[in-house]
Amino acid sequence: MDLMLAEKVALVTAASRGLGRAAALALSKEGARLVISSRSDEILDTAAAIQEQTGHPVLGMKSDLTRRAEIDVLVQHTRETYGRLDILIINAGGPPPGAFLDLKPETWEEAFQLTVMSAIHLCYAVVPVMLEQGSGSIVATQSLSVKQPIDQLALSNSLRMAVIGLMKTLADELGPQGIRVNSINPGWTKTDRVTQLLASRARLKGTTSREEELQITASIPLGRMGSVEEFGRTIAWLASPAASYIHGHALMFDGGSTRSSL
């Protein structure tokens, strides 16, 4: 299937590794021109590696999503480099794991800035550009936890719901202006963060990471975790013109784990 992404311009945040990198690579493979960002210097190497693999332009920029001024510079530079901005992939590193009483109020405030306010600031920076163009596609990467809570993820379980509320609201407001807004909500996908979560669970329960993984996959109808490659292909489709009538949707990328009928 042609996703019709050739020459489209996409901004992907928190893309030095994991799900963000997977999204960037998949979009680049389909011909999109990219700007990718991360707080880490690693983003420059990631951009070079993706460009070498796909042959399409990828600009890496170091940017802290908890700082609005840096987000504004990121979006401005994207527009100056390519002349437009067709796709925004909202992605940020997940907040730290922990049960409610293990967390401090300051941790909640930091996580709110990273998870919620970064999405808000990105939309404030990007939406006017897309309105001027009369088109655009926004996809927020969140989590299965928006449908059902995950043990030891009190921050993620709580804060990601706010981002979904924002996406649903923007879908209503921006759809008539030609801008599609969706979210993708991955379940257990084999990333470095999932490896960290498995190790954390194992320490708490006196088990091993492998035992924790087997317990999780036993509850997934497909019998395994997702791969980052599968995630990349899915989010590239959702963001692309090939999904032109998918709007205001919270797509579950979870192998059937979510039991909700809605």
Protein backbone atom coordinates (compact mmCIF):
# COMPACT_ATOMS: atom_id res chain seq x y z
CA MET A 1 0.00 0.00 0.00
CA ASP A 2 1.20 3.46 -0.87
CA LEU A 3 0.86 5.60 2.25
CA MET A 4 1.24 8.75 0.12
CA LEU A 5 3.95 10.10 2.41
CA ALA A 6 6.51 11.03 -0.23
CA GLU A 7 7.73 14.59 0.37
CA LYS A 8 5.47 15.03 3.41
CA VAL A 9 7.17 16.76 6.35
CA ALA A 10 6.97 15.07 9.74
CA LEU A 11 8.13 16.15 13.19
CA VAL A 12 8.71 13.26 15.61
CA THR A 13 9.64 14.03 19.21
CA ALA A 14 11.58 11.84 21.66
CA ALA A 15 12.86 9.91 18.68
CA SER A 16 16.42 8.94 19.61
CA ARG A 17 15.31 5.41 20.52
CA GLY A 18 12.33 3.19 21.26
CA LEU A 19 8.89 3.94 19.88
CA GLY A 20 9.83 7.43 18.70
CA ARG A 21 12.73 6.10 16.65
CA ALA A 22 10.52 3.35 15.23
CA ALA A 23 7.95 5.94 14.12
CA ALA A 24 10.63 8.11 12.53
CA LEU A 25 12.22 5.22 10.66
CA ALA A 26 8.88 3.99 9.30
CA LEU A 27 7.89 7.47 8.11
CA SER A 28 11.28 7.98 6.45
CA LYS A 29 11.04 4.62 4.70
CA GLU A 30 7.80 5.85 3.14
CA GLY A 31 9.52 8.96 1.78
CA ALA A 32 8.69 11.58 4.40
CA ARG A 33 11.16 14.35 5.20
CA LEU A 34 11.82 14.43 8.92
CA VAL A 35 12.82 16.51 11.87
CA ILE A 36 13.38 14.37 14.96
CA SER A 37 14.14 15.57 18.46
CA SER A 38 15.35 14.34 21.83
CA ARG A 39 16.92 15.68 25.01
CA SER A 40 19.88 13.39 24.30
CA ASP A 41 22.86 14.10 22.04
CA GLU A 42 22.14 10.63 20.66
CA ILE A 43 19.49 12.22 18.40
CA LEU A 44 22.17 13.38 15.96
CA ASP A 45 23.47 9.84 15.47
CA THR A 46 19.91 8.53 15.14
CA ALA A 47 19.10 11.09 12.45
CA ALA A 48 22.23 10.21 10.49
CA ALA A 49 21.53 6.49 10.76
CA ILE A 50 17.94 6.81 9.54
CA GLN A 51 18.92 9.06 6.65
CA GLU A 52 21.66 6.64 5.60
CA GLN A 53 19.22 3.71 5.73
CA THR A 54 16.36 5.36 3.82
CA GLY A 55 18.02 7.99 1.65
CA HIS A 56 15.53 10.67 2.71
CA PRO A 57 16.44 13.85 4.63
CA VAL A 58 16.37 13.62 8.44
CA LEU A 59 17.32 16.55 10.65
CA GLY A 60 18.10 15.77 14.29
CA MET A 61 17.64 18.48 16.92
CA LYS A 62 18.31 18.42 20.64
CA SER A 63 15.21 19.72 22.39
CA ASP A 64 13.75 19.49 25.88
CA LEU A 65 9.97 19.04 25.68
CA THR A 66 9.49 20.44 29.18
CA ARG A 67 10.68 23.84 27.91
CA ARG A 68 8.16 25.66 25.73
CA ALA A 69 10.79 27.94 24.20
CA GLU A 70 12.70 24.93 22.88
CA ILE A 71 9.52 23.48 21.39
CA ASP A 72 8.87 26.77 19.59
CA VAL A 73 12.40 26.75 18.16
CA LEU A 74 11.97 23.12 17.08
CA VAL A 75 8.76 23.83 15.16
CA GLN A 76 10.10 27.07 13.69
CA HIS A 77 13.24 25.34 12.45
CA THR A 78 11.17 22.54 10.89
CA ARG A 79 9.14 25.07 8.94
CA GLU A 80 12.19 27.09 7.91
CA THR A 81 13.96 23.95 6.71
CA TYR A 82 11.14 22.36 4.71
CA GLY A 83 8.62 25.15 4.21
CA ARG A 84 5.72 23.28 5.82
CA LEU A 85 4.75 20.75 8.49
CA ASP A 86 2.32 17.97 7.58
CA ILE A 87 2.61 15.48 10.44
CA LEU A 88 3.24 15.83 14.16
CA ILE A 89 4.02 12.71 16.18
CA ILE A 90 3.69 13.63 19.85
CA ASN A 91 5.94 11.34 21.86
CA ALA A 92 7.72 11.73 25.19
CA GLY A 93 9.62 9.42 27.49
CA GLY A 94 7.31 7.68 29.91
CA PRO A 95 7.12 8.93 33.50
CA PRO A 96 8.89 6.78 36.12
CA PRO A 97 7.16 3.67 37.46
CA GLY A 98 5.84 3.43 40.99
CA ALA A 99 2.72 2.91 43.08
CA PHE A 100 0.95 6.02 44.40
CA LEU A 101 2.50 6.02 47.89
CA ASP A 102 5.97 5.46 46.41
CA LEU A 103 5.77 8.78 44.56
CA LYS A 104 6.31 12.32 45.79
CA PRO A 105 4.19 15.35 44.79
CA GLU A 106 7.25 16.82 43.05
CA THR A 107 7.45 13.69 40.89
CA TRP A 108 3.85 14.24 39.81
CA GLU A 109 4.63 17.84 38.86
CA GLU A 110 7.66 16.80 36.79
CA ALA A 111 5.68 14.05 35.07
CA PHE A 112 2.84 16.47 34.33
CA GLN A 113 5.25 18.79 32.55
CA LEU A 114 6.72 15.93 30.51
CA THR A 115 3.55 14.05 29.62
CA VAL A 116 0.78 16.65 29.51
CA MET A 117 2.28 20.10 29.06
CA SER A 118 4.69 18.95 26.34
CA ALA A 119 1.70 17.78 24.26
CA ILE A 120 -0.12 21.05 24.90
CA HIS A 121 2.88 23.20 23.95
CA LEU A 122 3.55 21.14 20.82
CA CYS A 123 -0.03 21.63 19.69
CA TYR A 124 0.08 25.37 20.39
CA ALA A 125 3.19 25.57 18.19
CA VAL A 126 2.04 23.28 15.37
CA VAL A 127 -1.71 23.82 15.00
CA PRO A 128 -1.43 27.41 13.67
CA VAL A 129 0.97 26.15 10.98
CA MET A 130 -1.43 23.40 9.93
CA LEU A 131 -4.40 25.79 9.97
CA GLU A 132 -2.52 28.09 7.62
CA GLN A 133 -1.85 25.15 5.30
CA GLY A 134 -5.44 23.88 5.59
CA SER A 135 -4.24 20.35 6.33
CA GLY A 136 -2.26 18.23 8.77
CA SER A 137 -2.17 15.10 10.86
CA ILE A 138 -1.44 14.85 14.59
CA VAL A 139 -0.87 11.54 16.36
CA ALA A 140 -0.15 11.32 20.09
CA THR A 141 1.65 8.24 21.38
CA GLN A 142 0.18 7.34 24.76
CA SER A 143 -0.46 3.92 26.34
CA LEU A 144 -2.79 0.99 26.84
CA SER A 145 -3.21 2.44 30.33
CA VAL A 146 -5.77 4.92 28.95
CA LYS A 147 -8.16 1.95 28.70
CA GLN A 148 -7.09 -0.10 31.72
CA PRO A 149 -4.56 0.75 34.46
CA ILE A 150 -1.19 -1.00 34.57
CA ASP A 151 0.35 -2.07 37.88
CA GLN A 152 3.10 0.19 39.25
CA LEU A 153 2.39 2.94 36.71
CA ALA A 154 0.34 5.41 38.75
CA LEU A 155 1.75 8.41 36.88
CA SER A 156 1.16 7.02 33.40
CA ASN A 157 -2.28 5.68 34.29
CA SER A 158 -3.37 9.12 35.45
CA LEU A 159 -1.66 11.68 33.23
CA ARG A 160 -2.05 10.04 29.85
CA MET A 161 -5.82 10.31 30.16
CA ALA A 162 -5.43 14.10 30.05
CA VAL A 163 -3.60 13.89 26.72
CA ILE A 164 -6.33 11.69 25.28
CA GLY A 165 -8.89 14.28 26.39
CA LEU A 166 -6.87 16.94 24.57
CA MET A 167 -6.70 14.84 21.39
CA LYS A 168 -10.45 14.19 21.43
CA THR A 169 -11.14 17.91 21.92
CA LEU A 170 -8.78 18.92 19.12
CA ALA A 171 -10.37 16.34 16.83
CA ASP A 172 -13.73 18.08 17.26
CA GLU A 173 -12.26 21.54 16.82
CA LEU A 174 -9.78 20.92 14.00
CA GLY A 175 -11.49 18.28 11.87
CA PRO A 176 -13.57 20.87 9.98
CA GLN A 177 -10.31 22.71 9.20
CA GLY A 178 -8.76 19.68 7.47
CA ILE A 179 -6.58 18.53 10.37
CA ARG A 180 -6.86 14.94 11.56
CA VAL A 181 -6.10 14.14 15.21
CA ASN A 182 -5.66 10.64 16.63
CA SER A 183 -3.76 8.73 19.29
CA ILE A 184 -2.01 5.38 19.31
CA ASN A 185 -1.90 3.50 22.58
CA PRO A 186 0.70 0.75 22.72
CA GLY A 187 0.54 -2.11 25.15
CA TRP A 188 3.55 -4.26 25.91
CA THR A 189 6.08 -3.55 23.16
CA LYS A 190 9.74 -4.65 23.32
CA THR A 191 11.53 -1.38 24.07
CA ASP A 192 14.22 -0.34 26.56
CA ARG A 193 11.51 1.16 28.77
CA VAL A 194 9.65 -2.16 28.90
CA THR A 195 12.89 -3.89 29.85
CA GLN A 196 13.20 -1.38 32.71
CA LEU A 197 9.63 -2.01 33.83
CA LEU A 198 10.10 -5.79 33.78
CA ALA A 199 13.24 -5.47 35.91
CA SER A 200 11.40 -3.19 38.35
CA ARG A 201 8.56 -5.68 38.69
CA ALA A 202 10.98 -8.54 39.18
CA ARG A 203 12.79 -6.72 41.99
CA LEU A 204 9.52 -5.98 43.79
CA LYS A 205 8.23 -9.54 43.48
CA GLY A 206 11.45 -11.50 43.85
CA THR A 207 11.14 -13.01 40.38
CA THR A 208 13.08 -12.62 37.13
CA SER A 209 12.41 -10.35 34.16
CA ARG A 210 11.78 -13.42 32.01
CA GLU A 211 9.16 -14.72 34.44
CA GLU A 212 7.45 -11.34 34.43
CA GLU A 213 7.44 -11.27 30.62
CA LEU A 214 5.90 -14.74 30.42
CA GLN A 215 3.20 -13.74 32.88
CA ILE A 216 2.36 -10.69 30.76
CA THR A 217 2.33 -12.44 27.39
CA ALA A 218 0.05 -15.15 28.81
CA SER A 219 -2.66 -12.49 29.01
CA ILE A 220 -2.14 -11.22 25.44
CA PRO A 221 -4.38 -13.03 22.91
CA LEU A 222 -1.61 -12.98 20.28
CA GLY A 223 0.71 -14.58 22.85
CA ARG A 224 3.62 -12.14 22.54
CA MET A 225 4.67 -8.52 22.92
CA GLY A 226 4.64 -6.22 19.93
CA SER A 227 7.81 -5.24 18.11
CA VAL A 228 9.00 -1.70 17.49
CA GLU A 229 8.89 -2.41 13.75
CA GLU A 230 5.20 -3.28 13.96
CA PHE A 231 4.57 -0.13 15.95
CA GLY A 232 6.43 2.01 13.40
CA ARG A 233 4.39 0.66 10.49
CA THR A 234 1.14 1.20 12.37
CA ILE A 235 1.78 4.79 13.41
CA ALA A 236 3.06 5.68 9.93
CA TRP A 237 -0.22 4.43 8.45
CA LEU A 238 -2.33 6.25 11.06
CA ALA A 239 -0.52 9.54 10.41
CA SER A 240 -0.61 9.18 6.64
CA PRO A 241 -3.14 10.20 3.98
CA ALA A 242 -3.88 6.48 3.56
CA ALA A 243 -5.86 6.75 6.82
CA SER A 244 -7.67 9.88 5.64
CA TYR A 245 -11.03 8.99 7.26
CA ILE A 246 -9.61 7.90 10.62
CA HIS A 247 -10.16 10.82 12.97
CA GLY A 248 -10.64 11.30 16.70
CA HIS A 249 -9.65 7.68 17.23
CA ALA A 250 -7.66 6.09 20.06
CA LEU A 251 -6.04 3.14 18.31
CA MET A 252 -5.01 0.30 20.61
CA PHE A 253 -1.71 -1.32 19.62
CA ASP A 254 -1.85 -4.17 22.13
CA GLY A 255 -2.29 -7.58 20.50
CA GLY A 256 -5.84 -7.76 21.80
CA SER A 257 -4.95 -7.14 25.46
CA THR A 258 -7.63 -4.52 26.07
CA ARG A 259 -10.84 -6.22 27.10
CA SER A 260 -13.06 -3.14 26.77
CA SER A 261 -15.76 -3.42 24.14
CA LEU A 262 -15.34 0.27 23.24
